[in-house]
C-alpha cells in the first residue's frame, strides 16, 4: 500500500454562540480534536472543504490548522446522517 498522504484542513475554534444544527446550516461541521497531553478543542470545519478533501481517503492523516496551531490527526469517529449523506460531527485524534 502507498504511503499515506497528509491532507491539510483549515479549521476555526467553534463559535460557542451557535449550536451544532446552526453551524451545519451555515455550511460548517462541528468537530473535536483530542489526544494525550492536550485539552480537547471544539472546532468547526467547512463542510464542503472536508467532503472534497476526504472523498477518496477517510483513513488519511490530516494536518489540521487551527489559528496558529497545527495538529496531525486521524478521524476517530465520523457521525453521518446516512439518508441525507450529511456529516454531522467529526472526532479527530492526534496521530
PDB file of N, CA and C in Angstrom:
ATOM      1  N   UNK A   1       0.840  -1.190   0.000  1.00  0.00           N
ATOM      2  CA  UNK A   1       0.000   0.000   0.000  1.00  0.00           C
ATOM      3  C   UNK A   1       0.881   1.248   0.000  1.00  0.00           C
ATOM      4  N   UNK A   2       0.449   2.263  -0.710  1.00  0.00           N
ATOM      5  CA  UNK A   2       1.223   3.500  -0.810  1.00  0.00           C
ATOM      6  C   UNK A   2       1.253   4.220   0.527  1.00  0.00           C
ATOM      7  N   UNK A   3       2.301   4.983   0.723  1.00  0.00           N
ATOM      8  CA  UNK A   3       2.436   5.757   1.949  1.00  0.00           C
ATOM      9  C   UNK A   3       1.293   6.772   2.014  1.00  0.00           C
ATOM     10  N   UNK A   4       0.690   6.903   3.202  1.00  0.00           N
ATOM     11  CA  UNK A   4      -0.460   7.806   3.308  1.00  0.00           C
ATOM     12  C   UNK A   4      -0.008   9.260   3.161  1.00  0.00           C
ATOM     13  N   UNK A   5      -0.813  10.016   2.481  1.00  0.00           N
ATOM     14  CA  UNK A   5      -0.503  11.427   2.297  1.00  0.00           C
ATOM     15  C   UNK A   5      -1.107  12.227   3.429  1.00  0.00           C
ATOM     16  N   UNK A   6      -0.535  13.381   3.671  1.00  0.00           N
ATOM     17  CA  UNK A   6      -1.080  14.268   4.699  1.00  0.00           C
ATOM     18  C   UNK A   6      -1.945  15.305   3.997  1.00  0.00           C
ATOM     19  N   UNK A   7      -3.186  15.373   4.408  1.00  0.00           N
ATOM     20  CA  UNK A   7      -4.140  16.305   3.809  1.00  0.00           C
ATOM     21  C   UNK A   7      -4.318  17.483   4.746  1.00  0.00           C
ATOM     22  N   UNK A   8      -4.153  18.686   4.213  1.00  0.00           N
ATOM     23  CA  UNK A   8      -4.258  19.884   5.033  1.00  0.00           C
ATOM     24  C   UNK A   8      -5.721  20.320   5.110  1.00  0.00           C
ATOM     25  N   UNK A   9      -6.199  20.575   6.320  1.00  0.00           N
ATOM     26  CA  UNK A   9      -7.566  21.054   6.550  1.00  0.00           C
ATOM     27  C   UNK A   9      -7.503  22.290   7.426  1.00  0.00           C
ATOM     28  N   UNK A  10      -8.235  23.318   7.047  1.00  0.00           N
ATOM     29  CA  UNK A  10      -8.314  24.519   7.875  1.00  0.00           C
ATOM     30  C   UNK A  10      -9.544  24.431   8.767  1.00  0.00           C
ATOM     31  N   UNK A  11      -9.394  24.914   9.985  1.00  0.00           N
ATOM     32  CA  UNK A  11     -10.497  24.891  10.943  1.00  0.00           C
ATOM     33  C   UNK A  11     -10.452  26.150  11.787  1.00  0.00           C
ATOM     34  N   UNK A  12     -11.557  26.434  12.445  1.00  0.00           N
ATOM     35  CA  UNK A  12     -11.611  27.549  13.396  1.00  0.00           C
ATOM     36  C   UNK A  12     -12.126  27.023  14.726  1.00  0.00           C
ATOM     37  N   UNK A  13     -11.803  27.751  15.782  1.00  0.00           N
ATOM     38  CA  UNK A  13     -12.388  27.436  17.083  1.00  0.00           C
ATOM     39  C   UNK A  13     -13.899  27.583  16.924  1.00  0.00           C
ATOM     40  N   UNK A  14     -14.651  26.648  17.475  1.00  0.00           N
ATOM     41  CA  UNK A  14     -16.096  26.636  17.297  1.00  0.00           C
ATOM     42  C   UNK A  14     -16.746  27.865  17.932  1.00  0.00           C
ATOM     43  N   UNK A  15     -17.688  28.430  17.212  1.00  0.00           N
ATOM     44  CA  UNK A  15     -18.475  29.562  17.692  1.00  0.00           C
ATOM     45  C   UNK A  15     -19.444  29.043  18.750  1.00  0.00           C
ATOM     46  N   UNK A  16     -19.155  29.330  20.017  1.00  0.00           N
ATOM     47  CA  UNK A  16     -19.955  28.793  21.123  1.00  0.00           C
ATOM     48  C   UNK A  16     -21.373  29.367  21.166  1.00  0.00           C
ATOM     49  N   UNK A  17     -21.617  30.460  20.437  1.00  0.00           N
ATOM     50  CA  UNK A  17     -22.957  31.051  20.418  1.00  0.00           C
ATOM     51  C   UNK A  17     -23.932  30.239  19.570  1.00  0.00           C
ATOM     52  N   UNK A  18     -23.398  29.359  18.732  1.00  0.00           N
ATOM     53  CA  UNK A  18     -24.249  28.601  17.815  1.00  0.00           C
ATOM     54  C   UNK A  18     -24.254  27.122  18.193  1.00  0.00           C
ATOM     55  N   UNK A  19     -25.426  26.514  18.105  1.00  0.00           N
ATOM     56  CA  UNK A  19     -25.485  25.078  18.375  1.00  0.00           C
ATOM     57  C   UNK A  19     -25.097  24.318  17.104  1.00  0.00           C
ATOM     58  N   UNK A  20     -24.830  23.019  17.204  1.00  0.00           N
ATOM     59  CA  UNK A  20     -24.374  22.259  16.030  1.00  0.00           C
ATOM     60  C   UNK A  20     -25.318  22.355  14.829  1.00  0.00           C
ATOM     61  N   UNK A  21     -26.614  22.373  15.061  1.00  0.00           N
ATOM     62  CA  UNK A  21     -27.561  22.467  13.948  1.00  0.00           C
ATOM     63  C   UNK A  21     -27.388  23.797  13.208  1.00  0.00           C
ATOM     64  N   UNK A  22     -27.178  24.878  13.956  1.00  0.00           N
ATOM     65  CA  UNK A  22     -26.965  26.195  13.334  1.00  0.00           C
ATOM     66  C   UNK A  22     -25.657  26.212  12.543  1.00  0.00           C
ATOM     67  N   UNK A  23     -24.606  25.597  13.096  1.00  0.00           N
ATOM     68  CA  UNK A  23     -23.320  25.530  12.385  1.00  0.00           C
ATOM     69  C   UNK A  23     -23.468  24.801  11.060  1.00  0.00           C
ATOM     70  N   UNK A  24     -24.175  23.656  11.095  1.00  0.00           N
ATOM     71  CA  UNK A  24     -24.365  22.895   9.857  1.00  0.00           C
ATOM     72  C   UNK A  24     -25.162  23.695   8.836  1.00  0.00           C
ATOM     73  N   UNK A  25     -26.149  24.470   9.293  1.00  0.00           N
ATOM     74  CA  UNK A  25     -26.941  25.312   8.382  1.00  0.00           C
ATOM     75  C   UNK A  25     -26.070  26.378   7.722  1.00  0.00           C
ATOM     76  N   UNK A  26     -24.993  26.796   8.395  1.00  0.00           N
ATOM     77  CA  UNK A  26     -24.073  27.794   7.850  1.00  0.00           C
ATOM     78  C   UNK A  26     -22.967  27.169   6.999  1.00  0.00           C
ATOM     79  N   UNK A  27     -22.985  25.846   6.850  1.00  0.00           N
ATOM     80  CA  UNK A  27     -22.005  25.176   5.996  1.00  0.00           C
ATOM     81  C   UNK A  27     -20.779  24.652   6.729  1.00  0.00           C
ATOM     82  N   UNK A  28     -20.856  24.543   8.042  1.00  0.00           N
ATOM     83  CA  UNK A  28     -19.737  24.025   8.832  1.00  0.00           C
ATOM     84  C   UNK A  28     -20.097  22.679   9.439  1.00  0.00           C
ATOM     85  N   UNK A  29     -19.069  21.907   9.775  1.00  0.00           N
ATOM     86  CA  UNK A  29     -19.247  20.660  10.508  1.00  0.00           C
ATOM     87  C   UNK A  29     -18.616  20.858  11.877  1.00  0.00           C
ATOM     88  N   UNK A  30     -19.374  20.631  12.961  1.00  0.00           N
ATOM     89  CA  UNK A  30     -18.767  20.696  14.288  1.00  0.00           C
ATOM     90  C   UNK A  30     -17.809  19.515  14.474  1.00  0.00           C
ATOM     91  N   UNK A  31     -16.693  19.771  15.129  1.00  0.00           N
ATOM     92  CA  UNK A  31     -15.696  18.719  15.320  1.00  0.00           C
ATOM     93  C   UNK A  31     -14.970  18.934  16.649  1.00  0.00           C
ATOM     94  N   UNK A  32     -14.274  17.889  17.071  1.00  0.00           N
ATOM     95  CA  UNK A  32     -13.485  17.939  18.302  1.00  0.00           C
ATOM     96  C   UNK A  32     -12.120  17.346  18.012  1.00  0.00           C
ATOM     97  N   UNK A  33     -11.082  17.956  18.583  1.00  0.00           N
ATOM     98  CA  UNK A  33      -9.720  17.418  18.489  1.00  0.00           C
ATOM     99  C   UNK A  33      -9.286  17.063  19.897  1.00  0.00           C
ATOM    100  N   UNK A  34      -8.770  15.852  20.065  1.00  0.00           N
ATOM    101  CA  UNK A  34      -8.280  15.466  21.383  1.00  0.00           C
ATOM    102  C   UNK A  34      -7.107  14.518  21.236  1.00  0.00           C
ATOM    103  N   UNK A  35      -6.403  14.347  22.317  1.00  0.00           N
ATOM    104  CA  UNK A  35      -5.261  13.439  22.317  1.00  0.00           C
ATOM    105  C   UNK A  35      -4.543  13.504  23.641  1.00  0.00           C
ATOM    106  N   UNK A  36      -3.604  12.616  23.806  1.00  0.00           N
ATOM    107  CA  UNK A  36      -2.848  12.534  25.050  1.00  0.00           C
ATOM    108  C   UNK A  36      -2.042  13.817  25.256  1.00  0.00           C
ATOM    109  N   UNK A  37      -2.150  14.377  26.439  1.00  0.00           N
ATOM    110  CA  UNK A  37      -1.355  15.545  26.793  1.00  0.00           C
ATOM    111  C   UNK A  37      -1.912  16.865  26.291  1.00  0.00           C
ATOM    112  N   UNK A  38      -3.150  16.880  25.804  1.00  0.00           N
ATOM    113  CA  UNK A  38      -3.735  18.149  25.374  1.00  0.00           C
ATOM    114  C   UNK A  38      -5.186  18.215  25.822  1.00  0.00           C
ATOM    115  N   UNK A  39      -5.655  19.432  26.006  1.00  0.00           N
ATOM    116  CA  UNK A  39      -7.063  19.627  26.310  1.00  0.00           C
ATOM    117  C   UNK A  39      -7.831  19.546  25.004  1.00  0.00           C
ATOM    118  N   UNK A  40      -8.996  18.917  25.028  1.00  0.00           N
ATOM    119  CA  UNK A  40      -9.748  18.803  23.774  1.00  0.00           C
ATOM    120  C   UNK A  40     -10.210  20.187  23.316  1.00  0.00           C
ATOM    121  N   UNK A  41     -10.286  20.348  21.994  1.00  0.00           N
ATOM    122  CA  UNK A  41     -10.684  21.624  21.401  1.00  0.00           C
ATOM    123  C   UNK A  41     -11.928  21.398  20.560  1.00  0.00           C
ATOM    124  N   UNK A  42     -12.916  22.269  20.739  1.00  0.00           N
ATOM    125  CA  UNK A  42     -14.109  22.247  19.899  1.00  0.00           C
ATOM    126  C   UNK A  42     -13.857  23.167  18.717  1.00  0.00           C
ATOM    127  N   UNK A  43     -13.961  22.603  17.518  1.00  0.00           N
ATOM    128  CA  UNK A  43     -13.655  23.362  16.305  1.00  0.00           C
ATOM    129  C   UNK A  43     -14.801  23.231  15.306  1.00  0.00           C
ATOM    130  N   UNK A  44     -14.694  23.994  14.236  1.00  0.00           N
ATOM    131  CA  UNK A  44     -15.630  23.864  13.120  1.00  0.00           C
ATOM    132  C   UNK A  44     -14.834  23.865  11.830  1.00  0.00           C
ATOM    133  N   UNK A  45     -15.295  23.052  10.868  1.00  0.00           N
ATOM    134  CA  UNK A  45     -14.616  22.891   9.586  1.00  0.00           C
ATOM    135  C   UNK A  45     -15.632  23.156   8.488  1.00  0.00           C
ATOM    136  N   UNK A  46     -15.195  23.782   7.416  1.00  0.00           N
ATOM    137  CA  UNK A  46     -16.064  23.996   6.259  1.00  0.00           C
ATOM    138  C   UNK A  46     -16.487  22.623   5.720  1.00  0.00           C
ATOM    139  N   UNK A  47     -17.799  22.384   5.659  1.00  0.00           N
ATOM    140  CA  UNK A  47     -18.313  21.079   5.248  1.00  0.00           C
ATOM    141  C   UNK A  47     -17.871  20.715   3.836  1.00  0.00           C
ATOM    142  N   UNK A  48     -17.907  21.666   2.933  1.00  0.00           N
ATOM    143  CA  UNK A  48     -17.529  21.394   1.545  1.00  0.00           C
ATOM    144  C   UNK A  48     -16.045  21.035   1.453  1.00  0.00           C
ATOM    145  N   UNK A  49     -15.203  21.792   2.147  1.00  0.00           N
ATOM    146  CA  UNK A  49     -13.755  21.517   2.133  1.00  0.00           C
ATOM    147  C   UNK A  49     -13.472  20.123   2.695  1.00  0.00           C
ATOM    148  N   UNK A  50     -14.170  19.756   3.781  1.00  0.00           N
ATOM    149  CA  UNK A  50     -13.969  18.435   4.380  1.00  0.00           C
ATOM    150  C   UNK A  50     -14.383  17.340   3.407  1.00  0.00           C
ATOM    151  N   UNK A  51     -15.551  17.487   2.793  1.00  0.00           N
ATOM    152  CA  UNK A  51     -16.033  16.477   1.842  1.00  0.00           C
ATOM    153  C   UNK A  51     -15.074  16.311   0.670  1.00  0.00           C
ATOM    154  N   UNK A  52     -14.602  17.421   0.121  1.00  0.00           N
ATOM    155  CA  UNK A  52     -13.713  17.344  -1.040  1.00  0.00           C
ATOM    156  C   UNK A  52     -12.367  16.710  -0.676  1.00  0.00           C
ATOM    157  N   UNK A  53     -11.846  17.017   0.488  1.00  0.00           N
ATOM    158  CA  UNK A  53     -10.523  16.506   0.848  1.00  0.00           C
ATOM    159  C   UNK A  53     -10.565  15.067   1.342  1.00  0.00           C
ATOM    160  N   UNK A  54     -11.726  14.566   1.748  1.00  0.00           N
ATOM    161  CA  UNK A  54     -11.797  13.195   2.274  1.00  0.00           C
ATOM    162  C   UNK A  54     -12.541  12.254   1.349  1.00  0.00           C
ATOM    163  N   UNK A  55     -12.940  12.734   0.200  1.00  0.00           N
ATOM    164  CA  UNK A  55     -13.756  11.921  -0.708  1.00  0.00           C
ATOM    165  C   UNK A  55     -13.152  10.545  -0.971  1.00  0.00           C
ATOM    166  N   UNK A  56     -11.862  10.488  -1.249  1.00  0.00           N
ATOM    167  CA  UNK A  56     -11.229   9.218  -1.608  1.00  0.00           C
ATOM    168  C   UNK A  56     -10.399   8.604  -0.489  1.00  0.00           C
ATOM    169  N   UNK A  57     -10.239   9.313   0.618  1.00  0.00           N
ATOM    170  CA  UNK A  57      -9.327   8.806   1.634  1.00  0.00           C
ATOM    171  C   UNK A  57      -9.731   9.234   3.035  1.00  0.00           C
ATOM    172  N   UNK A  58     -10.659   8.510   3.638  1.00  0.00           N
ATOM    173  CA  UNK A  58     -11.095   8.812   5.014  1.00  0.00           C
ATOM    174  C   UNK A  58     -10.057   8.397   6.051  1.00  0.00           C
ATOM    175  N   UNK A  59      -9.136   7.499   5.678  1.00  0.00           N
ATOM    176  CA  UNK A  59      -8.144   6.995   6.623  1.00  0.00           C
ATOM    177  C   UNK A  59      -6.842   7.783   6.595  1.00  0.00           C
ATOM    178  N   UNK A  60      -6.830   8.903   5.908  1.00  0.00           N
ATOM    179  CA  UNK A  60      -5.612   9.704   5.767  1.00  0.00           C
ATOM    180  C   UNK A  60      -5.234  10.357   7.096  1.00  0.00           C
ATOM    181  N   UNK A  61      -3.998  10.839   7.150  1.00  0.00           N
ATOM    182  CA  UNK A  61      -3.560  11.688   8.253  1.00  0.00           C
ATOM    183  C   UNK A  61      -3.810  13.121   7.797  1.00  0.00           C
ATOM    184  N   UNK A  62      -4.432  13.900   8.657  1.00  0.00           N
ATOM    185  CA  UNK A  62      -4.764  15.284   8.321  1.00  0.00           C
ATOM    186  C   UNK A  62      -3.877  16.232   9.109  1.00  0.00           C
ATOM    187  N   UNK A  63      -3.446  17.292   8.448  1.00  0.00           N
ATOM    188  CA  UNK A  63      -2.788  18.391   9.158  1.00  0.00           C
ATOM    189  C   UNK A  63      -3.888  19.419   9.385  1.00  0.00           C
ATOM    190  N   UNK A  64      -4.331  19.502  10.614  1.00  0.00           N
ATOM    191  CA  UNK A  64      -5.422  20.393  10.984  1.00  0.00           C
ATOM    192  C   UNK A  64      -4.829  21.712  11.434  1.00  0.00           C
ATOM    193  N   UNK A  65      -5.174  22.787  10.755  1.00  0.00           N
ATOM    194  CA  UNK A  65      -4.652  24.114  11.083  1.00  0.00           C
ATOM    195  C   UNK A  65      -5.756  24.895  11.784  1.00  0.00           C
ATOM    196  N   UNK A  66      -5.534  25.182  13.069  1.00  0.00           N
ATOM    197  CA  UNK A  66      -6.499  25.930  13.870  1.00  0.00           C
ATOM    198  C   UNK A  66      -5.792  27.195  14.344  1.00  0.00           C
ATOM    199  N   UNK A  67      -6.053  28.302  13.673  1.00  0.00           N
ATOM    200  CA  UNK A  67      -5.348  29.538  14.005  1.00  0.00           C
ATOM    201  C   UNK A  67      -3.867  29.368  13.750  1.00  0.00           C
ATOM    202  N   UNK A  68      -3.049  29.538  14.789  1.00  0.00           N
ATOM    203  CA  UNK A  68      -1.594  29.383  14.642  1.00  0.00           C
ATOM    204  C   UNK A  68      -1.123  27.986  15.019  1.00  0.00           C
ATOM    205  N   UNK A  69      -2.045  27.131  15.465  1.00  0.00           N
ATOM    206  CA  UNK A  69      -1.681  25.778  15.881  1.00  0.00           C
ATOM    207  C   UNK A  69      -1.887  24.795  14.739  1.00  0.00           C
ATOM    208  N   UNK A  70      -1.031  23.761  14.717  1.00  0.00           N
ATOM    209  CA  UNK A  70      -1.174  22.689  13.735  1.00  0.00           C
ATOM    210  C   UNK A  70      -1.176  21.365  14.475  1.00  0.00           C
ATOM    211  N   UNK A  71      -2.059  20.473  14.062  1.00  0.00           N
ATOM    212  CA  UNK A  71      -2.156  19.150  14.664  1.00  0.00           C
ATOM    213  C   UNK A  71      -2.179  18.105  13.563  1.00  0.00           C
ATOM    214  N   UNK A  72      -1.399  17.038  13.727  1.00  0.00           N
ATOM    215  CA  UNK A  72      -1.520  15.888  12.834  1.00  0.00           C
ATOM    216  C   UNK A  72      -2.518  14.943  13.480  1.00  0.00           C
ATOM    217  N   UNK A  73      -3.633  14.704  12.784  1.00  0.00           N
ATOM    218  CA  UNK A  73      -4.740  13.955  13.361  1.00  0.00           C
ATOM    219  C   UNK A  73      -5.260  12.908  12.381  1.00  0.00           C
ATOM    220  N   UNK A  74      -5.995  11.944  12.936  1.00  0.00           N
ATOM    221  CA  UNK A  74      -6.748  10.972  12.143  1.00  0.00           C
ATOM    222  C   UNK A  74      -8.202  11.049  12.597  1.00  0.00           C
ATOM    223  N   UNK A  75      -9.102  10.601  11.739  1.00  0.00           N
ATOM    224  CA  UNK A  75     -10.518  10.596  12.112  1.00  0.00           C
ATOM    225  C   UNK A  75     -10.752   9.414  13.044  1.00  0.00           C
ATOM    226  N   UNK A  76     -11.187   9.702  14.264  1.00  0.00           N
ATOM    227  CA  UNK A  76     -11.504   8.658  15.233  1.00  0.00           C
ATOM    228  C   UNK A  76     -12.944   8.199  15.039  1.00  0.00           C
ATOM    229  N   UNK A  77     -13.849   9.168  14.889  1.00  0.00           N
ATOM    230  CA  UNK A  77     -15.253   8.833  14.687  1.00  0.00           C
ATOM    231  C   UNK A  77     -15.888   9.870  13.776  1.00  0.00           C
ATOM    232  N   UNK A  78     -16.749   9.393  12.895  1.00  0.00           N
ATOM    233  CA  UNK A  78     -17.439  10.263  11.950  1.00  0.00           C
ATOM    234  C   UNK A  78     -18.924   9.945  12.053  1.00  0.00           C
ATOM    235  N   UNK A  79     -19.711  10.929  12.490  1.00  0.00           N
ATOM    236  CA  UNK A  79     -21.158  10.733  12.568  1.00  0.00           C
ATOM    237  C   UNK A  79     -21.783  11.313  11.317  1.00  0.00           C
ATOM    238  N   UNK A  80     -22.674  10.528  10.711  1.00  0.00           N
ATOM    239  CA  UNK A  80     -23.249  10.921   9.439  1.00  0.00           C
ATOM    240  C   UNK A  80     -24.733  10.613   9.420  1.00  0.00           C
ATOM    241  N   UNK A  81     -25.506  11.465   8.774  1.00  0.00           N
ATOM    242  CA  UNK A  81     -26.903  11.174   8.514  1.00  0.00           C
ATOM    243  C   UNK A  81     -26.913  10.427   7.183  1.00  0.00           C
ATOM    244  N   UNK A  82     -27.134   9.133   7.246  1.00  0.00           N
ATOM    245  CA  UNK A  82     -26.982   8.327   6.037  1.00  0.00           C
ATOM    246  C   UNK A  82     -28.108   8.525   5.036  1.00  0.00           C
ATOM    247  N   UNK A  83     -29.251   9.072   5.469  1.00  0.00           N
ATOM    248  CA  UNK A  83     -30.318   9.330   4.500  1.00  0.00           C
ATOM    249  C   UNK A  83     -30.016  10.575   3.661  1.00  0.00           C
ATOM    250  N   UNK A  84     -29.342  11.571   4.256  1.00  0.00           N
ATOM    251  CA  UNK A  84     -29.000  12.790   3.509  1.00  0.00           C
ATOM    252  C   UNK A  84     -27.521  12.841   3.138  1.00  0.00           C
ATOM    253  N   UNK A  85     -26.721  11.907   3.677  1.00  0.00           N
ATOM    254  CA  UNK A  85     -25.280  11.852   3.447  1.00  0.00           C
ATOM    255  C   UNK A  85     -24.542  13.055   4.046  1.00  0.00           C
ATOM    256  N   UNK A  86     -25.173  13.758   4.980  1.00  0.00           N
ATOM    257  CA  UNK A  86     -24.564  14.930   5.613  1.00  0.00           C
ATOM    258  C   UNK A  86     -23.713  14.495   6.805  1.00  0.00           C
ATOM    259  N   UNK A  87     -22.489  15.040   6.882  1.00  0.00           N
ATOM    260  CA  UNK A  87     -21.622  14.777   8.031  1.00  0.00           C
ATOM    261  C   UNK A  87     -22.136  15.611   9.192  1.00  0.00           C
ATOM    262  N   UNK A  88     -22.410  14.968  10.328  1.00  0.00           N
ATOM    263  CA  UNK A  88     -22.980  15.650  11.483  1.00  0.00           C
ATOM    264  C   UNK A  88     -21.923  16.084  12.487  1.00  0.00           C
ATOM    265  N   UNK A  89     -20.890  15.252  12.659  1.00  0.00           N
ATOM    266  CA  UNK A  89     -19.878  15.549  13.669  1.00  0.00           C
ATOM    267  C   UNK A  89     -18.637  14.707  13.381  1.00  0.00           C
ATOM    268  N   UNK A  90     -17.469  15.264  13.706  1.00  0.00           N
ATOM    269  CA  UNK A  90     -16.209  14.548  13.493  1.00  0.00           C
ATOM    270  C   UNK A  90     -15.404  14.589  14.785  1.00  0.00           C
ATOM    271  N   UNK A  91     -14.814  13.460  15.146  1.00  0.00           N
ATOM    272  CA  UNK A  91     -13.861  13.435  16.251  1.00  0.00           C
ATOM    273  C   UNK A  91     -12.496  13.123  15.667  1.00  0.00           C
ATOM    274  N   UNK A  92     -11.551  14.047  15.882  1.00  0.00           N
ATOM    275  CA  UNK A  92     -10.173  13.851  15.445  1.00  0.00           C
ATOM    276  C   UNK A  92      -9.320  13.486  16.634  1.00  0.00           C
ATOM    277  N   UNK A  93      -8.422  12.533  16.440  1.00  0.00           N
ATOM    278  CA  UNK A  93      -7.497  12.121  17.495  1.00  0.00           C
ATOM    279  C   UNK A  93      -6.087  12.392  16.992  1.00  0.00           C
ATOM    280  N   UNK A  94      -5.220  12.869  17.877  1.00  0.00           N
ATOM    281  CA  UNK A  94      -3.829  13.121  17.483  1.00  0.00           C
ATOM    282  C   UNK A  94      -3.204  11.847  16.926  1.00  0.00           C
ATOM    283  N   UNK A  95      -2.491  12.007  15.834  1.00  0.00           N
ATOM    284  CA  UNK A  95      -1.874  10.831  15.174  1.00  0.00           C
ATOM    285  C   UNK A  95      -0.590  10.446  15.885  1.00  0.00           C
TER     286      UNK A  95
END
